[in-house]
Amino acid sequence: MKPKVWEQRNVSEITKFHKQGFYTTEEYDNSKKYYLLRGTDLTENKLVLKDTPKIDATEKDYDAFKTEIGDFLIVRSGTVGTYGIVDVDIPAIFGSYLIDFRFDMEQVTNEFFGYFYQSSLFKSQLNKIIQASANTNINAENIKSTVISLPSLNEQRRISEYLGNLDNLITLHQRQTDFYKKISFYYISS
């Protein structure tokens, strides 16, 4: 059986929804109703609610900017290249330095898109579009104008799983290296 050819698509063709985040000057308080997600809440491609502030927004603003499980949040300014996939159902609003994407899950998995987003292929396409400055910014239209090659969903899952296992292995070895550095520093200093 001949393998299926990877299909090229503009990211705009696989995007069902995108929106730039909510801007507020409201003071944060942990007793408030909604988490306000920021770029610093995206760690290792996941949403990490450690120091995430809370705000009270109107129901209209919450409905317009709430996150859903499966949302792909991209940092648009500052630490461009950082992203996180929402994997928990929480009352949260995505903040102004984020872009929320929802992709057509019949064409692409979030994990596969994440690996594409971190690839040199994506970055080379993006570098042709955006203007470098002291603080690089990207917008949804920049991202949507890039081209992605898509295998079948089954292949996307297998590739993502393989690359995820490699990422985990690299992280494990990095932790071991850091541990051995600490031990050797301790013995050298003693």
Protein backbone atom coordinates (compact mmCIF):
# COMPACT_ATOMS: atom_id res chain seq x y z
CA MET A 1 0.00 0.00 0.00
CA LYS A 2 1.38 3.35 -1.03
CA PRO A 3 1.67 5.93 1.81
CA LYS A 4 -0.57 8.95 1.58
CA VAL A 5 1.16 12.08 0.30
CA TRP A 6 1.43 14.92 2.76
CA GLU A 7 -0.88 17.75 1.76
CA GLN A 8 0.18 21.38 1.89
CA ARG A 9 -2.31 23.78 3.43
CA ASN A 10 -2.25 27.41 4.35
CA VAL A 11 -2.77 27.65 8.09
CA SER A 12 -5.79 29.85 7.27
CA GLU A 13 -7.43 26.74 5.72
CA ILE A 14 -7.17 24.73 8.95
CA THR A 15 -8.13 27.59 11.31
CA LYS A 16 -11.72 27.61 12.55
CA PHE A 17 -11.32 30.54 14.97
CA HIS A 18 -8.67 32.98 16.07
CA LYS A 19 -8.74 36.03 18.26
CA GLN A 20 -6.33 38.37 19.96
CA GLY A 21 -6.66 38.46 23.75
CA PHE A 22 -8.49 40.60 26.26
CA TYR A 23 -6.96 43.86 27.50
CA THR A 24 -7.71 45.09 30.99
CA THR A 25 -6.29 47.53 33.51
CA GLU A 26 -8.22 45.90 36.34
CA GLU A 27 -6.21 45.02 39.44
CA TYR A 28 -5.60 41.33 40.04
CA ASP A 29 -6.97 39.57 43.10
CA ASN A 30 -7.13 35.83 43.82
CA SER A 31 -10.68 36.20 45.16
CA LYS A 32 -11.95 37.32 41.75
CA LYS A 33 -13.85 35.13 39.30
CA TYR A 34 -11.73 34.47 36.17
CA TYR A 35 -8.13 33.50 35.55
CA LEU A 36 -6.35 35.93 33.23
CA LEU A 37 -3.99 33.80 31.15
CA ARG A 38 -0.66 35.34 30.15
CA GLY A 39 2.41 34.21 28.25
CA THR A 40 4.11 33.38 31.56
CA ASP A 41 1.38 30.80 32.22
CA LEU A 42 2.50 28.78 29.17
CA THR A 43 5.30 26.42 30.17
CA GLU A 44 6.62 23.54 28.07
CA ASN A 45 3.62 23.92 25.74
CA LYS A 46 1.15 23.49 28.57
CA LEU A 47 -1.02 25.80 30.61
CA VAL A 48 0.49 26.07 34.11
CA LEU A 49 -1.68 27.90 36.63
CA LYS A 50 0.89 28.71 39.28
CA ASP A 51 0.89 32.47 39.70
CA THR A 52 -1.99 33.20 37.35
CA PRO A 53 -3.91 36.30 38.42
CA LYS A 54 -7.68 36.56 38.58
CA ILE A 55 -9.99 39.34 37.45
CA ASP A 56 -13.70 40.10 37.38
CA ALA A 57 -14.88 40.66 33.82
CA THR A 58 -18.37 41.23 32.50
CA GLU A 59 -20.24 38.18 31.26
CA LYS A 60 -20.03 39.66 27.74
CA ASP A 61 -16.22 39.92 27.96
CA TYR A 62 -15.95 36.45 29.47
CA ASP A 63 -18.06 34.97 26.65
CA ALA A 64 -15.94 36.78 24.05
CA PHE A 65 -12.53 35.79 25.48
CA LYS A 66 -13.05 32.56 27.42
CA THR A 67 -10.82 29.59 26.76
CA GLU A 68 -12.02 26.12 25.92
CA ILE A 69 -10.31 22.75 26.14
CA GLY A 70 -8.20 22.34 23.02
CA ASP A 71 -7.49 26.03 22.47
CA PHE A 72 -4.00 26.70 21.14
CA LEU A 73 -2.67 29.86 22.80
CA ILE A 74 0.24 31.67 21.15
CA VAL A 75 2.34 34.43 22.68
CA ARG A 76 2.26 37.27 20.18
CA SER A 77 4.77 39.67 21.74
CA GLY A 78 7.96 39.29 23.73
CA THR A 79 8.60 35.56 24.00
CA VAL A 80 7.32 34.88 20.50
CA GLY A 81 7.42 31.18 19.78
CA THR A 82 5.91 30.18 23.11
CA TYR A 83 2.58 28.42 23.01
CA GLY A 84 0.36 26.30 25.21
CA ILE A 85 -2.56 23.99 24.68
CA VAL A 86 -5.49 24.38 27.07
CA ASP A 87 -6.12 20.94 28.57
CA VAL A 88 -8.28 21.85 31.58
CA ASP A 89 -11.78 23.26 31.84
CA ILE A 90 -11.36 26.38 33.97
CA PRO A 91 -13.00 29.80 34.05
CA ALA A 92 -10.28 31.67 32.16
CA ILE A 93 -9.84 34.58 29.78
CA PHE A 94 -6.83 34.80 27.47
CA GLY A 95 -4.93 38.06 27.93
CA SER A 96 -3.92 40.71 25.42
CA TYR A 97 -0.47 39.32 24.59
CA LEU A 98 -1.96 36.00 23.48
CA ILE A 99 -3.73 34.82 20.36
CA ASP A 100 -6.25 32.01 20.73
CA PHE A 101 -6.47 29.59 17.81
CA ARG A 102 -8.94 26.78 17.32
CA PHE A 103 -7.98 24.45 14.51
CA ASP A 104 -10.07 22.07 12.45
CA MET A 105 -9.37 18.85 14.35
CA GLU A 106 -10.39 16.84 11.27
CA GLN A 107 -7.28 18.22 9.54
CA VAL A 108 -4.65 18.81 12.23
CA THR A 109 -3.92 17.91 15.83
CA ASN A 110 -2.79 20.63 18.23
CA GLU A 111 0.33 18.66 19.10
CA PHE A 112 1.37 18.30 15.45
CA PHE A 113 0.72 22.00 14.84
CA GLY A 114 2.82 22.77 17.92
CA TYR A 115 5.81 20.91 16.49
CA PHE A 116 5.31 22.71 13.18
CA TYR A 117 5.11 26.03 15.06
CA GLN A 118 8.50 25.35 16.67
CA SER A 119 10.12 24.20 13.42
CA SER A 120 12.68 26.02 11.32
CA LEU A 121 10.25 25.71 8.39
CA PHE A 122 7.67 27.83 10.21
CA LYS A 123 10.29 30.29 11.47
CA SER A 124 11.78 30.79 8.01
CA GLN A 125 8.31 31.52 6.60
CA LEU A 126 7.58 33.90 9.45
CA ASN A 127 10.92 35.72 9.13
CA LYS A 128 10.00 36.64 5.55
CA ILE A 129 6.78 38.23 6.80
CA ILE A 130 7.48 40.05 10.06
CA GLN A 131 9.73 42.99 10.62
CA ALA A 132 12.39 42.48 13.28
CA SER A 133 12.54 45.14 15.96
CA ALA A 134 13.61 45.40 19.58
CA ASN A 135 10.42 43.53 20.51
CA THR A 136 9.28 41.09 17.83
CA ASN A 137 5.53 40.81 17.42
CA ILE A 138 3.44 38.41 15.40
CA ASN A 139 -0.23 38.46 14.66
CA ALA A 140 -2.80 35.91 13.61
CA GLU A 141 -2.60 36.92 9.97
CA ASN A 142 1.18 36.26 9.98
CA ILE A 143 0.58 32.79 11.35
CA LYS A 144 -2.37 32.07 9.05
CA SER A 145 -0.32 33.00 5.96
CA THR A 146 2.23 30.22 6.56
CA VAL A 147 2.06 26.85 4.82
CA ILE A 148 2.02 23.54 6.70
CA SER A 149 2.46 20.03 5.27
CA LEU A 150 -0.06 17.63 6.75
CA PRO A 151 0.06 13.85 6.81
CA SER A 152 -3.00 11.86 7.87
CA LEU A 153 -4.31 12.42 11.41
CA ASN A 154 -3.02 8.99 12.41
CA GLU A 155 0.50 9.89 11.18
CA GLN A 156 0.27 13.27 12.95
CA ARG A 157 -0.52 11.50 16.22
CA ARG A 158 2.33 9.01 15.76
CA ILE A 159 4.83 11.74 14.84
CA SER A 160 3.73 13.88 17.79
CA GLU A 161 3.99 10.92 20.16
CA TYR A 162 7.47 10.08 18.90
CA LEU A 163 8.67 13.68 19.19
CA GLY A 164 7.01 13.98 22.62
CA ASN A 165 8.92 10.91 23.80
CA LEU A 166 12.15 12.46 22.51
CA ASP A 167 11.34 15.71 24.34
CA ASN A 168 10.75 13.76 27.56
CA LEU A 169 14.01 11.87 27.13
CA ILE A 170 15.92 15.10 26.54
CA THR A 171 14.32 16.65 29.64
CA LEU A 172 15.25 13.59 31.72
CA HIS A 173 18.87 13.70 30.55
CA GLN A 174 19.04 17.45 31.17
CA ARG A 175 17.80 16.94 34.74
CA GLN A 176 20.38 14.20 35.27
CA THR A 177 23.12 16.45 33.89
CA ASP A 178 22.03 19.29 36.18
CA PHE A 179 21.99 16.91 39.16
CA TYR A 180 25.51 15.66 38.39
CA LYS A 181 26.73 19.24 37.98
CA LYS A 182 25.38 20.08 41.45
CA ILE A 183 27.01 17.00 42.95
CA SER A 184 30.37 17.72 41.33
CA PHE A 185 30.17 21.37 42.41
CA TYR A 186 29.46 20.22 45.98
CA TYR A 187 32.49 17.89 46.01
CA ILE A 188 34.77 20.45 44.36
CA SER A 189 33.75 23.15 46.86
CA SER A 190 34.14 20.87 49.90
